[in-house]
C-alpha cells in the first residue's frame, strides 16, 4: 500500500513515517499534492538492529541497572560517580 503525505505533515511525523517504510510500506512525500520523494529502506540495513531511544523503558530495570548496559557517560554523569 502506498501512503502519500504532504511535506509539512511529514516534518511532524517523520519517525512514524520511517517506521512505516521500515515495515515495508511505500511512503511518498508530496508538495502541493504532487509526489516529490519516496522513503525507501536501504537494502543492506537490518532495521531490527537499530537501538531505539528509550530501549529500556519497558524492561522494568531501574535507571541504575539500565546504565550498567550503556556504560558511563562522563559528560552526563559527572555528578554521579558512585554509580560506577
PDB file of N, CA and C in Angstrom:
ATOM      1  N   UNK A   1       0.845  -1.180   0.000  1.00  0.00           N
ATOM      2  CA  UNK A   1       0.000   0.000   0.000  1.00  0.00           C
ATOM      3  C   UNK A   1       0.888   1.240   0.000  1.00  0.00           C
ATOM      4  N   UNK A   2       0.507   2.249  -0.756  1.00  0.00           N
ATOM      5  CA  UNK A   2       1.256   3.496  -0.817  1.00  0.00           C
ATOM      6  C   UNK A   2       0.595   4.532   0.079  1.00  0.00           C
ATOM      7  N   UNK A   3       1.418   5.171   0.892  1.00  0.00           N
ATOM      8  CA  UNK A   3       0.945   6.235   1.769  1.00  0.00           C
ATOM      9  C   UNK A   3       1.549   7.533   1.261  1.00  0.00           C
ATOM     10  N   UNK A   4       0.708   8.520   0.950  1.00  0.00           N
ATOM     11  CA  UNK A   4       1.207   9.816   0.492  1.00  0.00           C
ATOM     12  C   UNK A   4       0.934  10.851   1.570  1.00  0.00           C
ATOM     13  N   UNK A   5       1.975  11.606   1.918  1.00  0.00           N
ATOM     14  CA  UNK A   5       1.892  12.594   2.990  1.00  0.00           C
ATOM     15  C   UNK A   5       2.495  13.894   2.487  1.00  0.00           C
ATOM     16  N   UNK A   6       1.851  15.023   2.815  1.00  0.00           N
ATOM     17  CA  UNK A   6       2.453  16.288   2.408  1.00  0.00           C
ATOM     18  C   UNK A   6       3.679  16.573   3.277  1.00  0.00           C
ATOM     19  N   UNK A   7       4.585  17.358   2.767  1.00  0.00           N
ATOM     20  CA  UNK A   7       5.872  17.586   3.423  1.00  0.00           C
ATOM     21  C   UNK A   7       5.702  18.220   4.799  1.00  0.00           C
ATOM     22  N   UNK A   8       4.762  19.140   4.948  1.00  0.00           N
ATOM     23  CA  UNK A   8       4.556  19.775   6.254  1.00  0.00           C
ATOM     24  C   UNK A   8       4.171  18.740   7.311  1.00  0.00           C
ATOM     25  N   UNK A   9       3.267  17.831   6.966  1.00  0.00           N
ATOM     26  CA  UNK A   9       2.876  16.784   7.911  1.00  0.00           C
ATOM     27  C   UNK A   9       4.032  15.814   8.142  1.00  0.00           C
ATOM     28  N   UNK A  10       4.812  15.546   7.089  1.00  0.00           N
ATOM     29  CA  UNK A  10       5.948  14.630   7.217  1.00  0.00           C
ATOM     30  C   UNK A  10       6.968  15.156   8.218  1.00  0.00           C
ATOM     31  N   UNK A  11       7.160  16.466   8.264  1.00  0.00           N
ATOM     32  CA  UNK A  11       8.103  17.048   9.222  1.00  0.00           C
ATOM     33  C   UNK A  11       7.679  16.734  10.653  1.00  0.00           C
ATOM     34  N   UNK A  12       6.386  16.723  10.895  1.00  0.00           N
ATOM     35  CA  UNK A  12       5.878  16.487  12.244  1.00  0.00           C
ATOM     36  C   UNK A  12       5.803  15.006  12.600  1.00  0.00           C
ATOM     37  N   UNK A  13       5.792  14.141  11.591  1.00  0.00           N
ATOM     38  CA  UNK A  13       5.595  12.710  11.851  1.00  0.00           C
ATOM     39  C   UNK A  13       6.687  11.850  11.226  1.00  0.00           C
ATOM     40  N   UNK A  14       7.882  12.398  11.085  1.00  0.00           N
ATOM     41  CA  UNK A  14       8.950  11.686  10.386  1.00  0.00           C
ATOM     42  C   UNK A  14       9.259  10.330  11.010  1.00  0.00           C
ATOM     43  N   UNK A  15       9.337  10.249  12.317  1.00  0.00           N
ATOM     44  CA  UNK A  15       9.649   8.970  12.969  1.00  0.00           C
ATOM     45  C   UNK A  15       8.635   7.895  12.602  1.00  0.00           C
ATOM     46  N   UNK A  16       7.367   8.255  12.612  1.00  0.00           N
ATOM     47  CA  UNK A  16       6.325   7.297  12.270  1.00  0.00           C
ATOM     48  C   UNK A  16       6.417   6.882  10.802  1.00  0.00           C
ATOM     49  N   UNK A  17       6.724   7.841   9.927  1.00  0.00           N
ATOM     50  CA  UNK A  17       6.842   7.532   8.504  1.00  0.00           C
ATOM     51  C   UNK A  17       8.026   6.616   8.229  1.00  0.00           C
ATOM     52  N   UNK A  18       9.131   6.848   8.915  1.00  0.00           N
ATOM     53  CA  UNK A  18      10.297   5.973   8.762  1.00  0.00           C
ATOM     54  C   UNK A  18       9.946   4.564   9.230  1.00  0.00           C
ATOM     55  N   UNK A  19       9.236   4.458  10.341  1.00  0.00           N
ATOM     56  CA  UNK A  19       8.830   3.140  10.842  1.00  0.00           C
ATOM     57  C   UNK A  19       7.939   2.423   9.824  1.00  0.00           C
ATOM     58  N   UNK A  20       7.047   3.162   9.184  1.00  0.00           N
ATOM     59  CA  UNK A  20       6.201   2.555   8.151  1.00  0.00           C
ATOM     60  C   UNK A  20       7.043   2.058   6.984  1.00  0.00           C
ATOM     61  N   UNK A  21       8.014   2.866   6.557  1.00  0.00           N
ATOM     62  CA  UNK A  21       8.900   2.451   5.466  1.00  0.00           C
ATOM     63  C   UNK A  21       9.699   1.215   5.866  1.00  0.00           C
ATOM     64  N   UNK A  22      10.158   1.170   7.121  1.00  0.00           N
ATOM     65  CA  UNK A  22      10.908   0.006   7.609  1.00  0.00           C
ATOM     66  C   UNK A  22      10.053  -1.255   7.603  1.00  0.00           C
ATOM     67  N   UNK A  23       8.754  -1.083   7.805  1.00  0.00           N
ATOM     68  CA  UNK A  23       7.865  -2.246   7.833  1.00  0.00           C
ATOM     69  C   UNK A  23       7.414  -2.678   6.437  1.00  0.00           C
ATOM     70  N   UNK A  24       7.894  -1.966   5.404  1.00  0.00           N
ATOM     71  CA  UNK A  24       7.587  -2.371   4.039  1.00  0.00           C
ATOM     72  C   UNK A  24       6.589  -1.501   3.306  1.00  0.00           C
ATOM     73  N   UNK A  25       6.014  -0.525   3.990  1.00  0.00           N
ATOM     74  CA  UNK A  25       5.066   0.377   3.329  1.00  0.00           C
ATOM     75  C   UNK A  25       5.818   1.323   2.393  1.00  0.00           C
ATOM     76  N   UNK A  26       5.190   1.698   1.297  1.00  0.00           N
ATOM     77  CA  UNK A  26       5.756   2.714   0.413  1.00  0.00           C
ATOM     78  C   UNK A  26       5.251   4.064   0.907  1.00  0.00           C
ATOM     79  N   UNK A  27       6.167   4.956   1.258  1.00  0.00           N
ATOM     80  CA  UNK A  27       5.810   6.270   1.780  1.00  0.00           C
ATOM     81  C   UNK A  27       6.285   7.322   0.783  1.00  0.00           C
ATOM     82  N   UNK A  28       5.342   8.109   0.275  1.00  0.00           N
ATOM     83  CA  UNK A  28       5.644   9.145  -0.707  1.00  0.00           C
ATOM     84  C   UNK A  28       5.389  10.501  -0.065  1.00  0.00           C
ATOM     85  N   UNK A  29       6.370  11.391  -0.175  1.00  0.00           N
ATOM     86  CA  UNK A  29       6.215  12.757   0.316  1.00  0.00           C
ATOM     87  C   UNK A  29       5.834  13.634  -0.867  1.00  0.00           C
ATOM     88  N   UNK A  30       4.810  14.468  -0.668  1.00  0.00           N
ATOM     89  CA  UNK A  30       4.286  15.281  -1.757  1.00  0.00           C
ATOM     90  C   UNK A  30       4.312  16.761  -1.394  1.00  0.00           C
ATOM     91  N   UNK A  31       4.428  17.576  -2.436  1.00  0.00           N
ATOM     92  CA  UNK A  31       4.342  19.032  -2.283  1.00  0.00           C
ATOM     93  C   UNK A  31       3.184  19.487  -3.170  1.00  0.00           C
ATOM     94  N   UNK A  32       2.226  20.153  -2.563  1.00  0.00           N
ATOM     95  CA  UNK A  32       1.033  20.617  -3.281  1.00  0.00           C
ATOM     96  C   UNK A  32       0.335  19.459  -3.998  1.00  0.00           C
ATOM     97  N   UNK A  33       0.328  18.301  -3.348  1.00  0.00           N
ATOM     98  CA  UNK A  33      -0.360  17.140  -3.892  1.00  0.00           C
ATOM     99  C   UNK A  33       0.399  16.366  -4.953  1.00  0.00           C
ATOM    100  N   UNK A  34       1.611  16.832  -5.295  1.00  0.00           N
ATOM    101  CA  UNK A  34       2.407  16.147  -6.320  1.00  0.00           C
ATOM    102  C   UNK A  34       3.550  15.389  -5.660  1.00  0.00           C
ATOM    103  N   UNK A  35       3.697  14.093  -5.939  1.00  0.00           N
ATOM    104  CA  UNK A  35       4.782  13.301  -5.350  1.00  0.00           C
ATOM    105  C   UNK A  35       6.146  13.908  -5.660  1.00  0.00           C
ATOM    106  N   UNK A  36       6.992  13.971  -4.615  1.00  0.00           N
ATOM    107  CA  UNK A  36       8.328  14.545  -4.765  1.00  0.00           C
ATOM    108  C   UNK A  36       9.398  13.497  -4.479  1.00  0.00           C
ATOM    109  N   UNK A  37       9.286  12.809  -3.345  1.00  0.00           N
ATOM    110  CA  UNK A  37      10.280  11.806  -2.963  1.00  0.00           C
ATOM    111  C   UNK A  37       9.581  10.605  -2.332  1.00  0.00           C
ATOM    112  N   UNK A  38      10.306   9.499  -2.311  1.00  0.00           N
ATOM    113  CA  UNK A  38       9.823   8.280  -1.673  1.00  0.00           C
ATOM    114  C   UNK A  38      10.790   7.891  -0.568  1.00  0.00           C
ATOM    115  N   UNK A  39      10.264   7.549   0.608  1.00  0.00           N
ATOM    116  CA  UNK A  39      11.101   6.994   1.667  1.00  0.00           C
ATOM    117  C   UNK A  39      11.293   5.526   1.344  1.00  0.00           C
ATOM    118  N   UNK A  40      12.537   5.109   1.288  1.00  0.00           N
ATOM    119  CA  UNK A  40      12.831   3.742   0.888  1.00  0.00           C
ATOM    120  C   UNK A  40      13.854   3.148   1.837  1.00  0.00           C
ATOM    121  N   UNK A  41      13.625   1.930   2.264  1.00  0.00           N
ATOM    122  CA  UNK A  41      14.536   1.232   3.154  1.00  0.00           C
ATOM    123  C   UNK A  41      15.812   0.876   2.402  1.00  0.00           C
ATOM    124  N   UNK A  42      16.949   1.152   2.999  1.00  0.00           N
ATOM    125  CA  UNK A  42      18.227   0.774   2.411  1.00  0.00           C
ATOM    126  C   UNK A  42      18.325  -0.742   2.478  1.00  0.00           C
ATOM    127  N   UNK A  43      18.653  -1.375   1.372  1.00  0.00           N
ATOM    128  CA  UNK A  43      18.587  -2.829   1.248  1.00  0.00           C
ATOM    129  C   UNK A  43      19.465  -3.584   2.234  1.00  0.00           C
ATOM    130  N   UNK A  44      20.651  -3.083   2.530  1.00  0.00           N
ATOM    131  CA  UNK A  44      21.573  -3.848   3.366  1.00  0.00           C
ATOM    132  C   UNK A  44      21.507  -3.484   4.847  1.00  0.00           C
ATOM    133  N   UNK A  45      20.490  -2.754   5.257  1.00  0.00           N
ATOM    134  CA  UNK A  45      20.347  -2.374   6.658  1.00  0.00           C
ATOM    135  C   UNK A  45      19.265  -3.229   7.297  1.00  0.00           C
ATOM    136  N   UNK A  46      19.586  -3.817   8.441  1.00  0.00           N
ATOM    137  CA  UNK A  46      18.613  -4.602   9.193  1.00  0.00           C
ATOM    138  C   UNK A  46      17.965  -3.675  10.215  1.00  0.00           C
ATOM    139  N   UNK A  47      16.706  -3.241  10.010  1.00  0.00           N
ATOM    140  CA  UNK A  47      16.082  -2.290  10.926  1.00  0.00           C
ATOM    141  C   UNK A  47      15.946  -2.822  12.348  1.00  0.00           C
ATOM    142  N   UNK A  48      15.933  -4.128  12.532  1.00  0.00           N
ATOM    143  CA  UNK A  48      15.806  -4.675  13.881  1.00  0.00           C
ATOM    144  C   UNK A  48      17.089  -4.499  14.688  1.00  0.00           C
ATOM    145  N   UNK A  49      18.186  -4.146  14.009  1.00  0.00           N
ATOM    146  CA  UNK A  49      19.450  -3.966  14.725  1.00  0.00           C
ATOM    147  C   UNK A  49      19.618  -2.556  15.275  1.00  0.00           C
ATOM    148  N   UNK A  50      18.722  -1.646  14.930  1.00  0.00           N
ATOM    149  CA  UNK A  50      18.827  -0.269  15.407  1.00  0.00           C
ATOM    150  C   UNK A  50      18.389  -0.179  16.863  1.00  0.00           C
ATOM    151  N   UNK A  51      19.152   0.552  17.644  1.00  0.00           N
ATOM    152  CA  UNK A  51      18.766   0.762  19.033  1.00  0.00           C
ATOM    153  C   UNK A  51      17.770   1.905  19.088  1.00  0.00           C
ATOM    154  N   UNK A  52      16.687   1.695  19.745  1.00  0.00           N
ATOM    155  CA  UNK A  52      15.655   2.713  19.842  1.00  0.00           C
ATOM    156  C   UNK A  52      15.874   3.567  21.075  1.00  0.00           C
ATOM    157  N   UNK A  53      15.489   4.825  20.985  1.00  0.00           N
ATOM    158  CA  UNK A  53      15.532   5.708  22.142  1.00  0.00           C
ATOM    159  C   UNK A  53      14.551   5.160  23.164  1.00  0.00           C
ATOM    160  N   UNK A  54      14.969   5.098  24.401  1.00  0.00           N
ATOM    161  CA  UNK A  54      14.111   4.556  25.435  1.00  0.00           C
ATOM    162  C   UNK A  54      14.007   3.047  25.372  1.00  0.00           C
ATOM    163  N   UNK A  55      15.035   2.405  24.850  1.00  0.00           N
ATOM    164  CA  UNK A  55      15.001   0.957  24.665  1.00  0.00           C
ATOM    165  C   UNK A  55      14.783   0.206  25.970  1.00  0.00           C
ATOM    166  N   UNK A  56      15.148   0.794  27.094  1.00  0.00           N
ATOM    167  CA  UNK A  56      14.997   0.122  28.382  1.00  0.00           C
ATOM    168  C   UNK A  56      13.725   0.553  29.116  1.00  0.00           C
ATOM    169  N   UNK A  57      12.908   1.376  28.496  1.00  0.00           N
ATOM    170  CA  UNK A  57      11.749   1.953  29.176  1.00  0.00           C
ATOM    171  C   UNK A  57      10.762   0.903  29.674  1.00  0.00           C
ATOM    172  N   UNK A  58      10.560  -0.153  28.934  1.00  0.00           N
ATOM    173  CA  UNK A  58       9.555  -1.156  29.300  1.00  0.00           C
ATOM    174  C   UNK A  58      10.148  -2.422  29.897  1.00  0.00           C
ATOM    175  N   UNK A  59      11.404  -2.390  30.309  1.00  0.00           N
ATOM    176  CA  UNK A  59      12.048  -3.602  30.806  1.00  0.00           C
ATOM    177  C   UNK A  59      11.866  -3.816  32.298  1.00  0.00           C
ATOM    178  N   UNK A  60      11.461  -2.776  33.005  1.00  0.00           N
ATOM    179  CA  UNK A  60      11.348  -2.894  34.454  1.00  0.00           C
ATOM    180  C   UNK A  60      12.660  -2.650  35.174  1.00  0.00           C
ATOM    181  N   UNK A  61      13.707  -2.302  34.425  1.00  0.00           N
ATOM    182  CA  UNK A  61      15.002  -2.014  35.047  1.00  0.00           C
ATOM    183  C   UNK A  61      14.970  -0.641  35.698  1.00  0.00           C
ATOM    184  N   UNK A  62      15.704  -0.513  36.789  1.00  0.00           N
ATOM    185  CA  UNK A  62      15.870   0.807  37.378  1.00  0.00           C
ATOM    186  C   UNK A  62      16.834   1.593  36.507  1.00  0.00           C
ATOM    187  N   UNK A  63      16.909   2.900  36.718  1.00  0.00           N
ATOM    188  CA  UNK A  63      17.840   3.726  35.954  1.00  0.00           C
ATOM    189  C   UNK A  63      19.269   3.233  36.153  1.00  0.00           C
ATOM    190  N   UNK A  64      19.592   2.873  37.381  1.00  0.00           N
ATOM    191  CA  UNK A  64      20.947   2.401  37.684  1.00  0.00           C
ATOM    192  C   UNK A  64      21.256   1.102  36.931  1.00  0.00           C
ATOM    193  N   UNK A  65      20.308   0.181  36.888  1.00  0.00           N
ATOM    194  CA  UNK A  65      20.524  -1.079  36.172  1.00  0.00           C
ATOM    195  C   UNK A  65      20.677  -0.843  34.666  1.00  0.00           C
ATOM    196  N   UNK A  66      19.869   0.042  34.115  1.00  0.00           N
ATOM    197  CA  UNK A  66      19.960   0.338  32.687  1.00  0.00           C
ATOM    198  C   UNK A  66      21.309   0.952  32.346  1.00  0.00           C
ATOM    199  N   UNK A  67      21.841   1.787  33.223  1.00  0.00           N
ATOM    200  CA  UNK A  67      23.141   2.421  32.981  1.00  0.00           C
ATOM    201  C   UNK A  67      24.267   1.390  32.913  1.00  0.00           C
ATOM    202  N   UNK A  68      24.121   0.276  33.585  1.00  0.00           N
ATOM    203  CA  UNK A  68      25.142  -0.768  33.515  1.00  0.00           C
ATOM    204  C   UNK A  68      25.277  -1.307  32.093  1.00  0.00           C
ATOM    205  N   UNK A  69      24.179  -1.337  31.359  1.00  0.00           N
ATOM    206  CA  UNK A  69      24.222  -1.790  29.970  1.00  0.00           C
ATOM    207  C   UNK A  69      24.818  -0.735  29.053  1.00  0.00           C
ATOM    208  N   UNK A  70      24.582   0.520  29.355  1.00  0.00           N
ATOM    209  CA  UNK A  70      25.018   1.601  28.484  1.00  0.00           C
ATOM    210  C   UNK A  70      26.433   2.067  28.776  1.00  0.00           C
ATOM    211  N   UNK A  71      26.897   1.874  29.993  1.00  0.00           N
ATOM    212  CA  UNK A  71      28.226   2.344  30.369  1.00  0.00           C
ATOM    213  C   UNK A  71      28.191   3.803  30.794  1.00  0.00           C
ATOM    214  N   UNK A  72      29.285   4.270  31.351  1.00  0.00           N
ATOM    215  CA  UNK A  72      29.319   5.641  31.857  1.00  0.00           C
ATOM    216  C   UNK A  72      29.354   6.674  30.729  1.00  0.00           C
ATOM    217  N   UNK A  73      28.798   7.820  31.004  1.00  0.00           N
ATOM    218  CA  UNK A  73      28.862   8.970  30.107  1.00  0.00           C
ATOM    219  C   UNK A  73      29.383  10.126  30.946  1.00  0.00           C
ATOM    220  N   UNK A  74      30.687  10.393  30.885  1.00  0.00           N
ATOM    221  CA  UNK A  74      31.286  11.403  31.754  1.00  0.00           C
ATOM    222  C   UNK A  74      30.610  12.764  31.659  1.00  0.00           C
ATOM    223  N   UNK A  75      30.154  13.155  30.489  1.00  0.00           N
ATOM    224  CA  UNK A  75      29.517  14.460  30.346  1.00  0.00           C
ATOM    225  C   UNK A  75      28.173  14.509  31.062  1.00  0.00           C
ATOM    226  N   UNK A  76      27.478  13.393  31.121  1.00  0.00           N
ATOM    227  CA  UNK A  76      26.158  13.359  31.732  1.00  0.00           C
ATOM    228  C   UNK A  76      26.213  12.961  33.205  1.00  0.00           C
ATOM    229  N   UNK A  77      27.137  12.104  33.563  1.00  0.00           N
ATOM    230  CA  UNK A  77      27.166  11.522  34.894  1.00  0.00           C
ATOM    231  C   UNK A  77      28.241  12.098  35.808  1.00  0.00           C
ATOM    232  N   UNK A  78      28.738  13.281  35.513  1.00  0.00           N
ATOM    233  CA  UNK A  78      29.825  13.822  36.308  1.00  0.00           C
ATOM    234  C   UNK A  78      29.450  14.009  37.776  1.00  0.00           C
ATOM    235  N   UNK A  79      28.162  14.181  38.060  1.00  0.00           N
ATOM    236  CA  UNK A  79      27.742  14.366  39.443  1.00  0.00           C
ATOM    237  C   UNK A  79      27.308  13.061  40.111  1.00  0.00           C
ATOM    238  N   UNK A  80      27.452  11.908  39.419  1.00  0.00           N
ATOM    239  CA  UNK A  80      27.023  10.624  39.970  1.00  0.00           C
ATOM    240  C   UNK A  80      28.121   9.568  39.855  1.00  0.00           C
ATOM    241  N   UNK A  81      29.321   9.836  40.320  1.00  0.00           N
ATOM    242  CA  UNK A  81      30.397   8.845  40.172  1.00  0.00           C
ATOM    243  C   UNK A  81      30.140   7.564  40.958  1.00  0.00           C
ATOM    244  N   UNK A  82      29.261   7.623  41.954  1.00  0.00           N
ATOM    245  CA  UNK A  82      29.007   6.439  42.770  1.00  0.00           C
ATOM    246  C   UNK A  82      28.296   5.334  41.995  1.00  0.00           C
ATOM    247  N   UNK A  83      27.701   5.653  40.848  1.00  0.00           N
ATOM    248  CA  UNK A  83      27.024   4.631  40.056  1.00  0.00           C
ATOM    249  C   UNK A  83      28.004   3.685  39.388  1.00  0.00           C
ATOM    250  N   UNK A  84      29.259   4.109  39.232  1.00  0.00           N
ATOM    251  CA  UNK A  84      30.236   3.296  38.535  1.00  0.00           C
ATOM    252  C   UNK A  84      31.367   2.987  39.470  1.00  0.00           C
TER     253      UNK A  84
END
